[in-house]
N, C-alpha and C. Protein backbone atom coordinates (compact mmCIF):
# COMPACT_ATOMS: atom_id res chain seq x y z
N MET A 1 6.11 -8.52 -168.42
CA MET A 1 6.45 -7.16 -168.75
C MET A 1 6.94 -7.11 -170.19
N ASP A 2 6.15 -6.59 -171.07
CA ASP A 2 6.52 -6.51 -172.46
C ASP A 2 6.96 -5.09 -172.77
N LEU A 3 8.28 -4.90 -172.86
CA LEU A 3 8.81 -3.57 -173.08
C LEU A 3 8.96 -3.24 -174.56
N ASP A 4 8.67 -4.19 -175.45
CA ASP A 4 8.86 -3.99 -176.88
C ASP A 4 7.55 -3.91 -177.65
N GLU A 5 6.49 -3.47 -177.02
CA GLU A 5 5.20 -3.37 -177.69
C GLU A 5 5.26 -2.34 -178.81
N GLN A 6 4.49 -2.56 -179.89
CA GLN A 6 4.44 -1.62 -181.00
C GLN A 6 3.71 -0.34 -180.62
N GLU A 7 2.56 -0.46 -180.00
CA GLU A 7 1.75 0.69 -179.59
C GLU A 7 1.41 0.54 -178.11
N PRO A 8 2.38 0.73 -177.24
CA PRO A 8 2.13 0.50 -175.82
C PRO A 8 1.15 1.52 -175.22
N ASN A 9 0.38 1.05 -174.27
CA ASN A 9 -0.55 1.89 -173.52
C ASN A 9 -0.39 1.56 -172.04
N PRO A 10 -0.65 2.52 -171.17
CA PRO A 10 -0.56 2.24 -169.74
C PRO A 10 -1.55 1.14 -169.33
N GLU A 11 -1.11 0.30 -168.39
CA GLU A 11 -1.99 -0.71 -167.83
C GLU A 11 -2.30 -0.32 -166.40
N GLY A 12 -3.53 -0.54 -166.00
CA GLY A 12 -3.95 -0.19 -164.65
C GLY A 12 -4.62 1.18 -164.62
N GLU A 13 -4.82 1.66 -163.41
CA GLU A 13 -5.51 2.92 -163.17
C GLU A 13 -4.50 4.02 -162.87
N LEU A 14 -4.78 5.24 -163.32
CA LEU A 14 -3.90 6.36 -162.98
C LEU A 14 -4.03 6.63 -161.49
N ILE A 15 -2.92 6.53 -160.77
CA ILE A 15 -2.92 6.68 -159.31
C ILE A 15 -2.31 8.00 -158.89
N LEU A 16 -1.24 8.41 -159.56
CA LEU A 16 -0.49 9.59 -159.14
C LEU A 16 0.06 10.30 -160.37
N ARG A 17 0.02 11.61 -160.33
CA ARG A 17 0.54 12.40 -161.44
C ARG A 17 1.30 13.59 -160.86
N VAL A 18 2.57 13.72 -161.24
CA VAL A 18 3.43 14.79 -160.72
C VAL A 18 4.30 15.33 -161.85
N ILE A 19 4.90 16.47 -161.60
CA ILE A 19 5.84 17.06 -162.55
C ILE A 19 7.26 16.81 -162.02
N ALA A 20 8.16 16.39 -162.91
CA ALA A 20 9.55 16.14 -162.54
C ALA A 20 10.26 17.47 -162.31
N HIS A 21 10.50 17.79 -161.06
CA HIS A 21 11.04 19.08 -160.64
C HIS A 21 12.58 19.10 -160.74
N PRO A 22 13.16 20.24 -161.10
CA PRO A 22 14.62 20.33 -161.26
C PRO A 22 15.43 19.95 -160.02
N ARG A 23 14.89 20.13 -158.84
CA ARG A 23 15.68 19.81 -157.64
C ARG A 23 15.93 18.31 -157.47
N PHE A 24 15.27 17.46 -158.28
CA PHE A 24 15.46 16.02 -158.19
C PHE A 24 16.29 15.47 -159.35
N THR A 25 17.12 16.34 -159.96
CA THR A 25 17.90 15.90 -161.12
C THR A 25 19.37 15.70 -160.78
N ASN A 26 20.01 14.92 -161.64
CA ASN A 26 21.47 14.78 -161.56
C ASN A 26 22.09 15.93 -162.35
N ALA A 27 23.41 15.92 -162.48
CA ALA A 27 24.12 17.01 -163.16
C ALA A 27 23.78 17.11 -164.64
N LEU A 28 23.22 16.03 -165.22
CA LEU A 28 22.89 16.04 -166.64
C LEU A 28 21.43 16.38 -166.91
N GLY A 29 20.66 16.65 -165.85
CA GLY A 29 19.29 17.09 -166.03
C GLY A 29 18.23 15.99 -166.03
N ASP A 30 18.63 14.77 -165.73
CA ASP A 30 17.66 13.68 -165.63
C ASP A 30 17.28 13.44 -164.17
N ILE A 31 16.07 12.97 -163.96
CA ILE A 31 15.57 12.72 -162.61
C ILE A 31 16.26 11.50 -162.00
N TYR A 32 16.61 11.59 -160.72
CA TYR A 32 17.21 10.47 -159.99
C TYR A 32 16.23 9.29 -159.90
N ALA A 33 16.77 8.09 -160.00
CA ALA A 33 15.96 6.88 -159.87
C ALA A 33 15.33 6.79 -158.48
N GLY A 34 16.02 7.25 -157.47
CA GLY A 34 15.49 7.19 -156.10
C GLY A 34 14.22 8.01 -155.95
N TRP A 35 14.18 9.19 -156.57
CA TRP A 35 12.97 10.00 -156.52
C TRP A 35 11.83 9.28 -157.22
N LEU A 36 12.13 8.68 -158.38
CA LEU A 36 11.10 7.96 -159.13
C LEU A 36 10.58 6.77 -158.33
N LEU A 37 11.47 6.04 -157.66
CA LEU A 37 11.05 4.91 -156.82
C LEU A 37 10.14 5.37 -155.68
N ASP A 38 10.45 6.53 -155.11
CA ASP A 38 9.61 7.09 -154.05
C ASP A 38 8.19 7.34 -154.55
N GLN A 39 8.08 7.92 -155.75
CA GLN A 39 6.75 8.18 -156.32
C GLN A 39 6.01 6.86 -156.60
N MET A 40 6.74 5.87 -157.11
CA MET A 40 6.15 4.57 -157.39
C MET A 40 5.64 3.90 -156.11
N ASP A 41 6.44 4.01 -155.04
CA ASP A 41 6.06 3.43 -153.75
C ASP A 41 4.83 4.12 -153.18
N GLN A 42 4.74 5.44 -153.33
CA GLN A 42 3.57 6.17 -152.86
C GLN A 42 2.31 5.73 -153.60
N ALA A 43 2.42 5.54 -154.90
CA ALA A 43 1.26 5.09 -155.69
C ALA A 43 0.85 3.69 -155.29
N ALA A 44 1.83 2.80 -155.14
CA ALA A 44 1.53 1.42 -154.73
C ALA A 44 0.89 1.40 -153.34
N ALA A 45 1.37 2.26 -152.45
CA ALA A 45 0.82 2.33 -151.09
C ALA A 45 -0.65 2.74 -151.11
N GLN A 46 -1.02 3.66 -152.00
CA GLN A 46 -2.42 4.06 -152.09
C GLN A 46 -3.31 2.86 -152.45
N ILE A 47 -2.84 2.06 -153.39
CA ILE A 47 -3.60 0.87 -153.79
C ILE A 47 -3.67 -0.11 -152.63
N ALA A 48 -2.55 -0.33 -151.95
CA ALA A 48 -2.49 -1.28 -150.84
C ALA A 48 -3.38 -0.84 -149.67
N MET A 49 -3.36 0.45 -149.36
CA MET A 49 -4.19 0.94 -148.25
C MET A 49 -5.68 0.78 -148.55
N GLU A 50 -6.04 1.04 -149.80
CA GLU A 50 -7.45 0.86 -150.18
C GLU A 50 -7.84 -0.61 -150.12
N ALA A 51 -6.99 -1.48 -150.62
CA ALA A 51 -7.29 -2.92 -150.64
C ALA A 51 -7.32 -3.51 -149.24
N SER A 52 -6.44 -3.03 -148.36
CA SER A 52 -6.36 -3.60 -147.02
C SER A 52 -7.27 -2.91 -146.02
N GLY A 53 -7.82 -1.77 -146.41
CA GLY A 53 -8.69 -1.04 -145.50
C GLY A 53 -7.94 -0.35 -144.39
N GLY A 54 -6.68 -0.03 -144.59
CA GLY A 54 -5.93 0.66 -143.55
C GLY A 54 -4.45 0.63 -143.76
N ARG A 55 -3.75 0.62 -142.65
CA ARG A 55 -2.31 0.72 -142.63
C ARG A 55 -1.66 -0.49 -143.30
N CYS A 56 -0.56 -0.22 -144.01
CA CYS A 56 0.20 -1.30 -144.65
C CYS A 56 1.64 -0.85 -144.81
N ALA A 57 2.51 -1.79 -145.18
CA ALA A 57 3.93 -1.49 -145.31
C ALA A 57 4.51 -2.18 -146.54
N THR A 58 5.46 -1.52 -147.17
CA THR A 58 6.18 -2.11 -148.28
C THR A 58 7.08 -3.22 -147.75
N VAL A 59 7.01 -4.39 -148.38
CA VAL A 59 7.85 -5.52 -147.97
C VAL A 59 8.97 -5.74 -148.98
N SER A 60 8.63 -5.67 -150.27
CA SER A 60 9.64 -5.90 -151.30
C SER A 60 9.16 -5.35 -152.63
N LEU A 61 10.08 -5.34 -153.59
CA LEU A 61 9.70 -5.04 -154.96
C LEU A 61 10.58 -5.88 -155.87
N ASP A 62 10.00 -6.25 -157.02
CA ASP A 62 10.74 -7.02 -158.01
C ASP A 62 11.78 -6.13 -158.66
N ASN A 63 12.53 -6.71 -159.55
CA ASN A 63 13.48 -5.90 -160.33
C ASN A 63 12.73 -4.72 -160.93
N VAL A 64 13.32 -3.57 -160.81
CA VAL A 64 12.74 -2.38 -161.42
C VAL A 64 13.37 -2.20 -162.79
N ASP A 65 12.53 -2.14 -163.81
CA ASP A 65 13.01 -1.91 -165.16
C ASP A 65 12.91 -0.42 -165.46
N PHE A 66 14.06 0.24 -165.51
CA PHE A 66 14.13 1.64 -165.92
C PHE A 66 14.45 1.62 -167.41
N VAL A 67 13.47 1.90 -168.23
CA VAL A 67 13.65 1.77 -169.68
C VAL A 67 13.90 3.09 -170.40
N ALA A 68 13.66 4.20 -169.74
CA ALA A 68 13.91 5.51 -170.35
C ALA A 68 14.08 6.55 -169.25
N PRO A 69 14.98 7.51 -169.43
CA PRO A 69 15.17 8.55 -168.42
C PRO A 69 13.95 9.47 -168.31
N VAL A 70 13.88 10.15 -167.18
CA VAL A 70 12.80 11.12 -166.94
C VAL A 70 13.40 12.52 -167.02
N PRO A 71 13.10 13.25 -168.09
CA PRO A 71 13.63 14.61 -168.22
C PRO A 71 12.94 15.58 -167.26
N VAL A 72 13.69 16.56 -166.80
CA VAL A 72 13.12 17.57 -165.92
C VAL A 72 11.97 18.28 -166.63
N GLY A 73 10.92 18.58 -165.88
CA GLY A 73 9.76 19.28 -166.42
C GLY A 73 8.71 18.39 -167.04
N SER A 74 9.01 17.10 -167.18
CA SER A 74 8.03 16.20 -167.81
C SER A 74 6.93 15.82 -166.83
N ASP A 75 5.80 15.42 -167.39
CA ASP A 75 4.64 14.96 -166.63
C ASP A 75 4.87 13.47 -166.34
N VAL A 76 4.89 13.11 -165.06
CA VAL A 76 5.12 11.74 -164.63
C VAL A 76 3.78 11.17 -164.17
N SER A 77 3.27 10.20 -164.91
CA SER A 77 1.99 9.56 -164.57
C SER A 77 2.26 8.14 -164.12
N ILE A 78 1.75 7.80 -162.94
CA ILE A 78 2.01 6.47 -162.38
C ILE A 78 0.70 5.70 -162.34
N TYR A 79 0.72 4.57 -163.02
CA TYR A 79 -0.44 3.68 -163.12
C TYR A 79 -0.19 2.45 -162.28
N GLY A 80 -1.25 1.92 -161.71
CA GLY A 80 -1.08 0.73 -160.88
C GLY A 80 -2.32 -0.13 -160.86
N GLU A 81 -2.08 -1.39 -160.50
CA GLU A 81 -3.20 -2.31 -160.34
C GLU A 81 -2.85 -3.38 -159.32
N LEU A 82 -3.86 -3.76 -158.56
CA LEU A 82 -3.73 -4.84 -157.59
C LEU A 82 -3.78 -6.15 -158.37
N GLU A 83 -2.71 -6.92 -158.30
CA GLU A 83 -2.64 -8.16 -159.07
C GLU A 83 -3.01 -9.40 -158.27
N ASP A 84 -2.66 -9.39 -156.97
CA ASP A 84 -2.91 -10.59 -156.16
C ASP A 84 -3.04 -10.19 -154.70
N VAL A 85 -3.90 -10.90 -153.99
CA VAL A 85 -4.07 -10.68 -152.55
C VAL A 85 -3.95 -12.01 -151.85
N GLY A 86 -3.06 -12.06 -150.87
CA GLY A 86 -2.90 -13.24 -150.03
C GLY A 86 -3.61 -13.01 -148.70
N ARG A 87 -3.25 -13.78 -147.71
CA ARG A 87 -3.87 -13.63 -146.39
C ARG A 87 -3.58 -12.24 -145.82
N SER A 88 -2.32 -11.82 -145.89
CA SER A 88 -1.95 -10.50 -145.37
C SER A 88 -1.18 -9.66 -146.38
N SER A 89 -0.87 -10.22 -147.52
CA SER A 89 -0.04 -9.52 -148.50
C SER A 89 -0.82 -9.13 -149.75
N MET A 90 -0.27 -8.15 -150.46
CA MET A 90 -0.86 -7.66 -151.70
C MET A 90 0.26 -7.41 -152.70
N GLN A 91 0.08 -7.90 -153.92
CA GLN A 91 1.04 -7.65 -154.99
C GLN A 91 0.45 -6.59 -155.91
N ILE A 92 1.25 -5.55 -156.17
CA ILE A 92 0.77 -4.39 -156.93
C ILE A 92 1.75 -4.10 -158.06
N ARG A 93 1.22 -4.03 -159.26
CA ARG A 93 2.02 -3.72 -160.45
C ARG A 93 1.97 -2.21 -160.69
N ILE A 94 3.13 -1.62 -160.93
CA ILE A 94 3.25 -0.17 -161.14
C ILE A 94 3.98 0.10 -162.46
N GLU A 95 3.44 1.04 -163.23
CA GLU A 95 4.09 1.52 -164.45
C GLU A 95 4.22 3.04 -164.38
N VAL A 96 5.33 3.56 -164.87
CA VAL A 96 5.56 5.00 -164.94
C VAL A 96 5.57 5.41 -166.40
N TRP A 97 4.73 6.39 -166.74
CA TRP A 97 4.65 6.92 -168.10
C TRP A 97 5.02 8.39 -168.07
N ILE A 98 5.78 8.81 -169.05
CA ILE A 98 6.30 10.16 -169.14
C ILE A 98 5.69 10.87 -170.35
N THR A 99 5.31 12.12 -170.14
CA THR A 99 4.85 12.95 -171.25
C THR A 99 5.66 14.24 -171.22
N GLU A 100 6.38 14.47 -172.30
CA GLU A 100 7.10 15.73 -172.48
C GLU A 100 6.25 16.61 -173.38
N ARG A 101 6.31 17.89 -173.17
CA ARG A 101 5.50 18.84 -173.96
C ARG A 101 5.70 18.60 -175.46
N GLY A 102 4.58 18.37 -176.14
CA GLY A 102 4.60 18.21 -177.59
C GLY A 102 5.05 16.85 -178.10
N LYS A 103 5.23 15.89 -177.20
CA LYS A 103 5.70 14.56 -177.61
C LYS A 103 4.72 13.49 -177.13
N ALA A 104 4.79 12.33 -177.74
CA ALA A 104 3.95 11.20 -177.33
C ALA A 104 4.43 10.65 -175.98
N SER A 105 3.51 10.11 -175.21
CA SER A 105 3.86 9.50 -173.93
C SER A 105 4.64 8.21 -174.16
N TYR A 106 5.50 7.89 -173.19
CA TYR A 106 6.27 6.65 -173.26
C TYR A 106 6.47 6.09 -171.86
N LYS A 107 6.69 4.78 -171.80
CA LYS A 107 6.91 4.11 -170.52
C LYS A 107 8.35 4.34 -170.09
N SER A 108 8.53 4.71 -168.82
CA SER A 108 9.85 4.97 -168.29
C SER A 108 10.32 3.88 -167.33
N ALA A 109 9.40 3.30 -166.57
CA ALA A 109 9.80 2.29 -165.58
C ALA A 109 8.60 1.44 -165.21
N GLU A 110 8.90 0.25 -164.67
CA GLU A 110 7.84 -0.61 -164.13
C GLU A 110 8.42 -1.60 -163.14
N THR A 111 7.57 -2.05 -162.22
CA THR A 111 7.94 -3.04 -161.22
C THR A 111 6.69 -3.58 -160.54
N ARG A 112 6.89 -4.51 -159.64
CA ARG A 112 5.82 -5.03 -158.79
C ARG A 112 6.25 -4.87 -157.34
N PHE A 113 5.35 -4.31 -156.54
CA PHE A 113 5.58 -4.15 -155.11
C PHE A 113 4.80 -5.22 -154.36
N VAL A 114 5.32 -5.62 -153.21
CA VAL A 114 4.57 -6.45 -152.28
C VAL A 114 4.41 -5.65 -150.99
N PHE A 115 3.18 -5.53 -150.54
CA PHE A 115 2.84 -4.86 -149.29
C PHE A 115 2.20 -5.87 -148.35
N VAL A 116 2.28 -5.61 -147.05
CA VAL A 116 1.51 -6.38 -146.08
C VAL A 116 0.66 -5.41 -145.29
N ALA A 117 -0.51 -5.89 -144.92
CA ALA A 117 -1.40 -5.13 -144.05
C ALA A 117 -0.86 -5.22 -142.62
N ILE A 118 -0.86 -4.10 -141.92
CA ILE A 118 -0.39 -4.10 -140.53
C ILE A 118 -1.40 -3.40 -139.63
N ASP A 119 -1.37 -3.78 -138.36
CA ASP A 119 -2.30 -3.17 -137.40
C ASP A 119 -1.66 -1.95 -136.75
N ALA A 120 -2.33 -1.38 -135.76
CA ALA A 120 -1.86 -0.16 -135.10
C ALA A 120 -0.53 -0.36 -134.38
N ASN A 121 -0.20 -1.61 -134.05
CA ASN A 121 1.06 -1.92 -133.37
C ASN A 121 2.17 -2.32 -134.34
N GLY A 122 1.88 -2.25 -135.64
CA GLY A 122 2.88 -2.62 -136.64
C GLY A 122 3.00 -4.10 -136.88
N ARG A 123 2.03 -4.87 -136.40
CA ARG A 123 2.04 -6.32 -136.61
C ARG A 123 1.19 -6.67 -137.83
N ILE A 124 1.60 -7.72 -138.51
CA ILE A 124 0.88 -8.17 -139.70
C ILE A 124 -0.55 -8.55 -139.34
N ARG A 125 -1.48 -8.13 -140.18
CA ARG A 125 -2.89 -8.47 -139.99
C ARG A 125 -3.45 -9.02 -141.31
N GLN A 126 -4.61 -9.58 -141.24
CA GLN A 126 -5.25 -10.15 -142.44
C GLN A 126 -5.87 -9.05 -143.29
N VAL A 127 -5.79 -9.23 -144.60
CA VAL A 127 -6.48 -8.33 -145.54
C VAL A 127 -7.94 -8.74 -145.56
N PRO A 128 -8.87 -7.81 -145.36
CA PRO A 128 -10.29 -8.16 -145.40
C PRO A 128 -10.66 -8.79 -146.74
N ALA A 129 -11.63 -9.66 -146.72
CA ALA A 129 -12.07 -10.37 -147.94
C ALA A 129 -12.70 -9.43 -148.95
N THR A 130 -13.22 -8.31 -148.53
CA THR A 130 -13.86 -7.35 -149.45
C THR A 130 -12.89 -6.27 -149.85
N HIS A 131 -12.12 -6.50 -150.89
CA HIS A 131 -11.15 -5.49 -151.35
C HIS A 131 -11.39 -5.14 -152.77
């Protein structure tokens, strides 16, 4: 994770794009980290479900680097990529990029999620070889 790039660009594919709504802010007008983590988890889940061909569950995430606040009203773009697939697990890298009206985009947060594929009974299953 290189947070000091001169001309940073998003890595991965655009998975989710939302607007930071005022109801998810603290008293100072910045978006809560919990709301942002929820959006990141939803984006990672989309990648995991596609890779596993079905149901999956979040198992863990690495340290989350929150490098810049998310102002209310900003465009929140979440990029992700499947980095590794094990027998039943998938590692997914997620980046959050913010665009405020009239300003250049910047990275706000990043982390790696681990998901496992699960069956209809909630038991771990194998990820198909064709992902």
